[in-house]
PDB file of all heavy atoms in Angstrom:
ATOM      1  N   LEU A   1      14.348 -31.068  -6.577  1.00  0.00           N
ATOM      2  CA  LEU A   1      14.600 -29.634  -6.628  1.00  0.00           C
ATOM      3  C   LEU A   1      15.752 -29.308  -5.685  1.00  0.00           C
ATOM      4  O   LEU A   1      15.610 -29.419  -4.464  1.00  0.00           O
ATOM      5  CB  LEU A   1      13.345 -28.856  -6.237  1.00  0.00           C
ATOM      6  CG  LEU A   1      13.436 -27.335  -6.271  1.00  0.00           C
ATOM      7  CD1 LEU A   1      13.738 -26.836  -7.677  1.00  0.00           C
ATOM      8  CD2 LEU A   1      12.140 -26.711  -5.752  1.00  0.00           C
ATOM      9  N   ILE A   2      16.874 -28.893  -6.248  1.00  0.00           N
ATOM     10  CA  ILE A   2      18.087 -28.679  -5.463  1.00  0.00           C
ATOM     11  C   ILE A   2      18.420 -27.202  -5.309  1.00  0.00           C
ATOM     12  O   ILE A   2      19.104 -26.797  -4.369  1.00  0.00           O
ATOM     13  CB  ILE A   2      19.291 -29.441  -6.114  1.00  0.00           C
ATOM     14  CG1 ILE A   2      20.534 -29.374  -5.232  1.00  0.00           C
ATOM     15  CG2 ILE A   2      19.595 -28.892  -7.497  1.00  0.00           C
ATOM     16  CD1 ILE A   2      20.433 -30.168  -3.980  1.00  0.00           C
ATOM     17  N   ALA A   3      17.944 -26.372  -6.245  1.00  0.00           N
ATOM     18  CA  ALA A   3      18.269 -24.947  -6.176  1.00  0.00           C
ATOM     19  C   ALA A   3      17.101 -24.115  -6.688  1.00  0.00           C
ATOM     20  O   ALA A   3      16.406 -24.519  -7.619  1.00  0.00           O
ATOM     21  CB  ALA A   3      19.514 -24.638  -7.003  1.00  0.00           C
ATOM     22  N   GLN A   4      16.875 -22.974  -6.066  1.00  0.00           N
ATOM     23  CA  GLN A   4      15.832 -22.047  -6.487  1.00  0.00           C
ATOM     24  C   GLN A   4      16.378 -20.634  -6.518  1.00  0.00           C
ATOM     25  O   GLN A   4      17.103 -20.221  -5.609  1.00  0.00           O
ATOM     26  CB  GLN A   4      14.636 -22.085  -5.522  1.00  0.00           C
ATOM     27  CG  GLN A   4      13.834 -23.364  -5.570  1.00  0.00           C
ATOM     28  CD  GLN A   4      12.517 -23.225  -4.833  1.00  0.00           C
ATOM     29  OE1 GLN A   4      11.573 -22.639  -5.348  1.00  0.00           O
ATOM     30  NE2 GLN A   4      12.447 -23.771  -3.638  1.00  0.00           N
ATOM     31  N   GLY A   5      16.024 -19.911  -7.576  1.00  0.00           N
ATOM     32  CA  GLY A   5      16.405 -18.508  -7.636  1.00  0.00           C
ATOM     33  C   GLY A   5      15.528 -17.677  -6.724  1.00  0.00           C
ATOM     34  O   GLY A   5      14.554 -18.168  -6.151  1.00  0.00           O
ATOM     35  N   THR A   6      15.871 -16.433  -6.577  1.00  0.00           N
ATOM     36  CA  THR A   6      15.068 -15.519  -5.768  1.00  0.00           C
ATOM     37  C   THR A   6      14.385 -14.514  -6.697  1.00  0.00           C
ATOM     38  O   THR A   6      15.034 -13.923  -7.562  1.00  0.00           O
ATOM     39  CB  THR A   6      15.937 -14.765  -4.746  1.00  0.00           C
ATOM     40  OG1 THR A   6      17.031 -14.150  -5.426  1.00  0.00           O
ATOM     41  CG2 THR A   6      16.486 -15.722  -3.714  1.00  0.00           C
ATOM     42  N   GLN A   7      13.080 -14.369  -6.512  1.00  0.00           N
ATOM     43  CA  GLN A   7      12.323 -13.441  -7.340  1.00  0.00           C
ATOM     44  C   GLN A   7      12.641 -12.000  -6.927  1.00  0.00           C
ATOM     45  O   GLN A   7      12.884 -11.719  -5.754  1.00  0.00           O
ATOM     46  CB  GLN A   7      10.820 -13.683  -7.188  1.00  0.00           C
ATOM     47  CG  GLN A   7      10.340 -15.013  -7.712  1.00  0.00           C
ATOM     48  CD  GLN A   7      10.344 -15.081  -9.231  1.00  0.00           C
ATOM     49  OE1 GLN A   7      10.546 -14.076  -9.910  1.00  0.00           O
ATOM     50  NE2 GLN A   7      10.140 -16.276  -9.779  1.00  0.00           N
ATOM     51  N   PRO A   8      12.626 -11.081  -7.900  1.00  0.00           N
ATOM     52  CA  PRO A   8      12.830  -9.682  -7.528  1.00  0.00           C
ATOM     53  C   PRO A   8      11.637  -9.173  -6.735  1.00  0.00           C
ATOM     54  O   PRO A   8      10.503  -9.619  -6.938  1.00  0.00           O
ATOM     55  CB  PRO A   8      12.941  -8.975  -8.877  1.00  0.00           C
ATOM     56  CG  PRO A   8      12.200  -9.854  -9.833  1.00  0.00           C
ATOM     57  CD  PRO A   8      12.413 -11.259  -9.349  1.00  0.00           C
ATOM     58  N   VAL A   9      11.883  -8.280  -5.826  1.00  0.00           N
ATOM     59  CA  VAL A   9      10.811  -7.651  -5.045  1.00  0.00           C
ATOM     60  C   VAL A   9      10.729  -6.191  -5.467  1.00  0.00           C
ATOM     61  O   VAL A   9      11.661  -5.416  -5.219  1.00  0.00           O
ATOM     62  CB  VAL A   9      11.087  -7.755  -3.531  1.00  0.00           C
ATOM     63  CG1 VAL A   9       9.971  -7.067  -2.749  1.00  0.00           C
ATOM     64  CG2 VAL A   9      11.222  -9.212  -3.114  1.00  0.00           C
ATOM     65  N   ASN A  10       9.648  -5.842  -6.137  1.00  0.00           N
ATOM     66  CA  ASN A  10       9.487  -4.466  -6.586  1.00  0.00           C
ATOM     67  C   ASN A  10       9.315  -3.527  -5.405  1.00  0.00           C
ATOM     68  O   ASN A  10       8.756  -3.904  -4.360  1.00  0.00           O
ATOM     69  CB  ASN A  10       8.279  -4.336  -7.516  1.00  0.00           C
ATOM     70  CG  ASN A  10       8.514  -5.015  -8.852  1.00  0.00           C
ATOM     71  OD1 ASN A  10       9.651  -5.157  -9.300  1.00  0.00           O
ATOM     72  ND2 ASN A  10       7.448  -5.454  -9.497  1.00  0.00           N
ATOM     73  N   GLY A  11       9.819  -2.334  -5.586  1.00  0.00           N
ATOM     74  CA  GLY A  11       9.691  -1.348  -4.526  1.00  0.00           C
ATOM     75  C   GLY A  11       8.268  -0.846  -4.394  1.00  0.00           C
ATOM     76  O   GLY A  11       7.376  -1.212  -5.157  1.00  0.00           O
ATOM     77  N   GLN A  12       8.036  -0.005  -3.418  1.00  0.00           N
ATOM     78  CA  GLN A  12       6.711   0.573  -3.192  1.00  0.00           C
ATOM     79  C   GLN A  12       6.757   2.057  -3.522  1.00  0.00           C
ATOM     80  O   GLN A  12       7.720   2.748  -3.187  1.00  0.00           O
ATOM     81  CB  GLN A  12       6.285   0.379  -1.740  1.00  0.00           C
ATOM     82  CG  GLN A  12       6.085  -1.075  -1.353  1.00  0.00           C
ATOM     83  CD  GLN A  12       5.643  -1.226   0.090  1.00  0.00           C
ATOM     84  OE1 GLN A  12       5.543  -0.241   0.814  1.00  0.00           O
ATOM     85  NE2 GLN A  12       5.381  -2.448   0.510  1.00  0.00           N
ATOM     86  N   ASN A  13       5.703   2.506  -4.193  1.00  0.00           N
ATOM     87  CA  ASN A  13       5.623   3.924  -4.514  1.00  0.00           C
ATOM     88  C   ASN A  13       5.509   4.760  -3.250  1.00  0.00           C
ATOM     89  O   ASN A  13       5.003   4.295  -2.217  1.00  0.00           O
ATOM     90  CB  ASN A  13       4.414   4.198  -5.412  1.00  0.00           C
ATOM     91  CG  ASN A  13       4.578   3.599  -6.795  1.00  0.00           C
ATOM     92  OD1 ASN A  13       5.694   3.384  -7.267  1.00  0.00           O
ATOM     93  ND2 ASN A  13       3.480   3.327  -7.467  1.00  0.00           N
ATOM     94  N   GLY A  14       6.007   5.963  -3.347  1.00  0.00           N
ATOM     95  CA  GLY A  14       5.843   6.881  -2.231  1.00  0.00           C
ATOM     96  C   GLY A  14       4.370   7.158  -1.982  1.00  0.00           C
ATOM     97  O   GLY A  14       3.525   6.973  -2.855  1.00  0.00           O
ATOM     98  N   LYS A  15       4.053   7.598  -0.783  1.00  0.00           N
ATOM     99  CA  LYS A  15       2.660   7.853  -0.412  1.00  0.00           C
ATOM    100  C   LYS A  15       2.515   9.247   0.180  1.00  0.00           C
ATOM    101  O   LYS A  15       3.497   9.881   0.571  1.00  0.00           O
ATOM    102  CB  LYS A  15       2.179   6.811   0.611  1.00  0.00           C
ATOM    103  CG  LYS A  15       2.187   5.390   0.096  1.00  0.00           C
ATOM    104  CD  LYS A  15       1.734   4.430   1.177  1.00  0.00           C
ATOM    105  CE  LYS A  15       1.761   2.976   0.681  1.00  0.00           C
ATOM    106  NZ  LYS A  15       1.350   2.027   1.747  1.00  0.00           N
ATOM    107  N   VAL A  16       1.273   9.682   0.215  1.00  0.00           N
ATOM    108  CA  VAL A  16       0.949  10.941   0.883  1.00  0.00           C
ATOM    109  C   VAL A  16       0.264  10.598   2.200  1.00  0.00           C
ATOM    110  O   VAL A  16      -0.743   9.882   2.217  1.00  0.00           O
ATOM    111  CB  VAL A  16       0.033  11.820   0.016  1.00  0.00           C
ATOM    112  CG1 VAL A  16      -0.314  13.103   0.750  1.00  0.00           C
ATOM    113  CG2 VAL A  16       0.690  12.134  -1.321  1.00  0.00           C
ATOM    114  N   GLU A  17       0.831  11.062   3.291  1.00  0.00           N
ATOM    115  CA  GLU A  17       0.229  10.843   4.609  1.00  0.00           C
ATOM    116  C   GLU A  17      -0.594  12.077   4.978  1.00  0.00           C
ATOM    117  O   GLU A  17      -0.058  13.189   5.079  1.00  0.00           O
ATOM    118  CB  GLU A  17       1.314  10.603   5.656  1.00  0.00           C
ATOM    119  CG  GLU A  17       0.769  10.290   7.031  1.00  0.00           C
ATOM    120  CD  GLU A  17       1.858  10.004   8.046  1.00  0.00           C
ATOM    121  OE1 GLU A  17       3.028  10.338   7.776  1.00  0.00           O
ATOM    122  OE2 GLU A  17       1.535   9.454   9.113  1.00  0.00           O
ATOM    123  N   PHE A  18      -1.896  11.869   5.134  1.00  0.00           N
ATOM    124  CA  PHE A  18      -2.796  12.982   5.423  1.00  0.00           C
ATOM    125  C   PHE A  18      -2.988  13.139   6.929  1.00  0.00           C
ATOM    126  O   PHE A  18      -3.060  12.141   7.662  1.00  0.00           O
ATOM    127  CB  PHE A  18      -4.158  12.761   4.749  1.00  0.00           C
ATOM    128  CG  PHE A  18      -4.107  12.797   3.247  1.00  0.00           C
ATOM    129  CD1 PHE A  18      -3.969  11.626   2.519  1.00  0.00           C
ATOM    130  CD2 PHE A  18      -4.174  13.997   2.571  1.00  0.00           C
ATOM    131  CE1 PHE A  18      -3.912  11.649   1.138  1.00  0.00           C
ATOM    132  CE2 PHE A  18      -4.117  14.036   1.189  1.00  0.00           C
ATOM    133  CZ  PHE A  18      -3.980  12.865   0.475  1.00  0.00           C
ATOM    134  N   TYR A  19      -3.111  14.393   7.369  1.00  0.00           N
ATOM    135  CA  TYR A  19      -3.325  14.684   8.780  1.00  0.00           C
ATOM    136  C   TYR A  19      -4.748  15.159   9.039  1.00  0.00           C
ATOM    137  O   TYR A  19      -5.028  15.784  10.054  1.00  0.00           O
ATOM    138  CB  TYR A  19      -2.325  15.749   9.247  1.00  0.00           C
ATOM    139  CG  TYR A  19      -0.887  15.375   8.978  1.00  0.00           C
ATOM    140  CD1 TYR A  19       0.016  16.297   8.493  1.00  0.00           C
ATOM    141  CD2 TYR A  19      -0.429  14.070   9.204  1.00  0.00           C
ATOM    142  CE1 TYR A  19       1.337  15.956   8.232  1.00  0.00           C
ATOM    143  CE2 TYR A  19       0.888  13.708   8.947  1.00  0.00           C
ATOM    144  CZ  TYR A  19       1.756  14.659   8.455  1.00  0.00           C
ATOM    145  OH  TYR A  19       3.058  14.295   8.200  1.00  0.00           O
ATOM    146  N   PHE A  20      -5.674  14.852   8.101  1.00  0.00           N
ATOM    147  CA  PHE A  20      -7.092  15.145   8.283  1.00  0.00           C
ATOM    148  C   PHE A  20      -7.878  14.037   7.597  1.00  0.00           C
ATOM    149  O   PHE A  20      -7.315  13.231   6.850  1.00  0.00           O
ATOM    150  CB  PHE A  20      -7.467  16.519   7.715  1.00  0.00           C
ATOM    151  CG  PHE A  20      -7.281  16.634   6.224  1.00  0.00           C
ATOM    152  CD1 PHE A  20      -8.341  16.425   5.353  1.00  0.00           C
ATOM    153  CD2 PHE A  20      -6.037  16.927   5.683  1.00  0.00           C
ATOM    154  CE1 PHE A  20      -8.174  16.512   3.980  1.00  0.00           C
ATOM    155  CE2 PHE A  20      -5.860  17.031   4.308  1.00  0.00           C
ATOM    156  CZ  PHE A  20      -6.925  16.819   3.464  1.00  0.00           C
ATOM    157  N   ASP A  21      -9.169  13.979   7.864  1.00  0.00           N
ATOM    158  CA  ASP A  21     -10.015  12.911   7.330  1.00  0.00           C
ATOM    159  C   ASP A  21     -10.357  13.200   5.875  1.00  0.00           C
ATOM    160  O   ASP A  21     -11.007  14.206   5.567  1.00  0.00           O
ATOM    161  CB  ASP A  21     -11.294  12.793   8.165  1.00  0.00           C
ATOM    162  CG  ASP A  21     -12.163  11.621   7.732  1.00  0.00           C
ATOM    163  OD1 ASP A  21     -11.675  10.779   6.950  1.00  0.00           O
ATOM    164  OD2 ASP A  21     -13.322  11.540   8.184  1.00  0.00           O
ATOM    165  N   THR A  22      -9.910  12.303   4.976  1.00  0.00           N
ATOM    166  CA  THR A  22     -10.203  12.471   3.547  1.00  0.00           C
ATOM    167  C   THR A  22     -11.356  11.580   3.104  1.00  0.00           C
ATOM    168  O   THR A  22     -11.690  11.553   1.920  1.00  0.00           O
ATOM    169  CB  THR A  22      -8.968  12.128   2.700  1.00  0.00           C
ATOM    170  OG1 THR A  22      -8.611  10.749   2.915  1.00  0.00           O
ATOM    171  CG2 THR A  22      -7.788  13.017   3.059  1.00  0.00           C
ATOM    172  N   SER A  23     -11.949  10.832   4.021  1.00  0.00           N
ATOM    173  CA  SER A  23     -12.985   9.865   3.649  1.00  0.00           C
ATOM    174  C   SER A  23     -14.195  10.558   3.056  1.00  0.00           C
ATOM    175  O   SER A  23     -14.640  11.612   3.515  1.00  0.00           O
ATOM    176  CB  SER A  23     -13.409   9.064   4.885  1.00  0.00           C
ATOM    177  OG  SER A  23     -14.536   8.254   4.589  1.00  0.00           O
ATOM    178  N   SER A  24     -14.711   9.941   1.976  1.00  0.00           N
ATOM    179  CA  SER A  24     -15.931  10.469   1.346  1.00  0.00           C
ATOM    180  C   SER A  24     -17.168   9.708   1.811  1.00  0.00           C
ATOM    181  O   SER A  24     -18.281  10.016   1.400  1.00  0.00           O
ATOM    182  CB  SER A  24     -15.825  10.362  -0.180  1.00  0.00           C
ATOM    183  OG  SER A  24     -15.713   9.010  -0.564  1.00  0.00           O
ATOM    184  N   ASP A  25     -16.985   8.705   2.679  1.00  0.00           N
ATOM    185  CA  ASP A  25     -18.109   7.891   3.136  1.00  0.00           C
ATOM    186  C   ASP A  25     -18.702   8.541   4.381  1.00  0.00           C
ATOM    187  O   ASP A  25     -18.460   8.129   5.507  1.00  0.00           O
ATOM    188  CB  ASP A  25     -17.647   6.463   3.437  1.00  0.00           C
ATOM    189  CG  ASP A  25     -18.813   5.543   3.723  1.00  0.00           C
ATOM    190  OD1 ASP A  25     -19.945   5.904   3.356  1.00  0.00           O
ATOM    191  OD2 ASP A  25     -18.588   4.481   4.333  1.00  0.00           O
ATOM    192  N   ARG A  26     -19.485   9.579   4.162  1.00  0.00           N
ATOM    193  CA  ARG A  26     -20.003  10.366   5.271  1.00  0.00           C
ATOM    194  C   ARG A  26     -21.482  10.074   5.447  1.00  0.00           C
ATOM    195  O   ARG A  26     -22.332  10.734   4.848  1.00  0.00           O
ATOM    196  CB  ARG A  26     -19.784  11.848   5.010  1.00  0.00           C
ATOM    197  CG  ARG A  26     -18.317  12.193   4.834  1.00  0.00           C
ATOM    198  CD  ARG A  26     -18.165  13.558   4.244  1.00  0.00           C
ATOM    199  NE  ARG A  26     -16.764  13.941   4.150  1.00  0.00           N
ATOM    200  CZ  ARG A  26     -16.340  15.025   3.537  1.00  0.00           C
ATOM    201  NH1 ARG A  26     -17.200  15.825   2.950  1.00  0.00           N
ATOM    202  NH2 ARG A  26     -15.061  15.330   3.503  1.00  0.00           N
ATOM    203  N   LYS A  27     -21.794   9.081   6.242  1.00  0.00           N
ATOM    204  CA  LYS A  27     -23.181   8.708   6.440  1.00  0.00           C
ATOM    205  C   LYS A  27     -23.714   9.377   7.698  1.00  0.00           C
ATOM    206  O   LYS A  27     -23.093   9.310   8.754  1.00  0.00           O
ATOM    207  CB  LYS A  27     -23.321   7.192   6.582  1.00  0.00           C
ATOM    208  CG  LYS A  27     -22.975   6.424   5.324  1.00  0.00           C
ATOM    209  CD  LYS A  27     -23.209   4.943   5.516  1.00  0.00           C
ATOM    210  CE  LYS A  27     -22.893   4.166   4.243  1.00  0.00           C
ATOM    211  NZ  LYS A  27     -23.115   2.715   4.401  1.00  0.00           N
ATOM    212  N   PRO A  28     -24.872  10.039   7.587  1.00  0.00           N
ATOM    213  CA  PRO A  28     -25.470  10.600   8.796  1.00  0.00           C
ATOM    214  C   PRO A  28     -25.899   9.491   9.742  1.00  0.00           C
ATOM    215  O   PRO A  28     -26.181   8.359   9.328  1.00  0.00           O
ATOM    216  CB  PRO A  28     -26.679  11.378   8.264  1.00  0.00           C
ATOM    217  CG  PRO A  28     -26.959  10.804   6.920  1.00  0.00           C
ATOM    218  CD  PRO A  28     -25.649  10.316   6.387  1.00  0.00           C
ATOM    219  N   ALA A  29     -25.959   9.817  11.029  1.00  0.00           N
ATOM    220  CA  ALA A  29     -26.309   8.815  12.038  1.00  0.00           C
ATOM    221  C   ALA A  29     -27.801   8.493  11.970  1.00  0.00           C
ATOM    222  O   ALA A  29     -28.634   9.372  11.748  1.00  0.00           O
ATOM    223  CB  ALA A  29     -25.946   9.330  13.419  1.00  0.00           C
TER     224      ALA A  29
END
């Protein structure tokens, strides 16, 4: 093996950064 191509790297989708707790896993103590 003397040469290898480079695979494309797909981009990442934009995200929403939340400033409050969105978790639905609310277990009582």
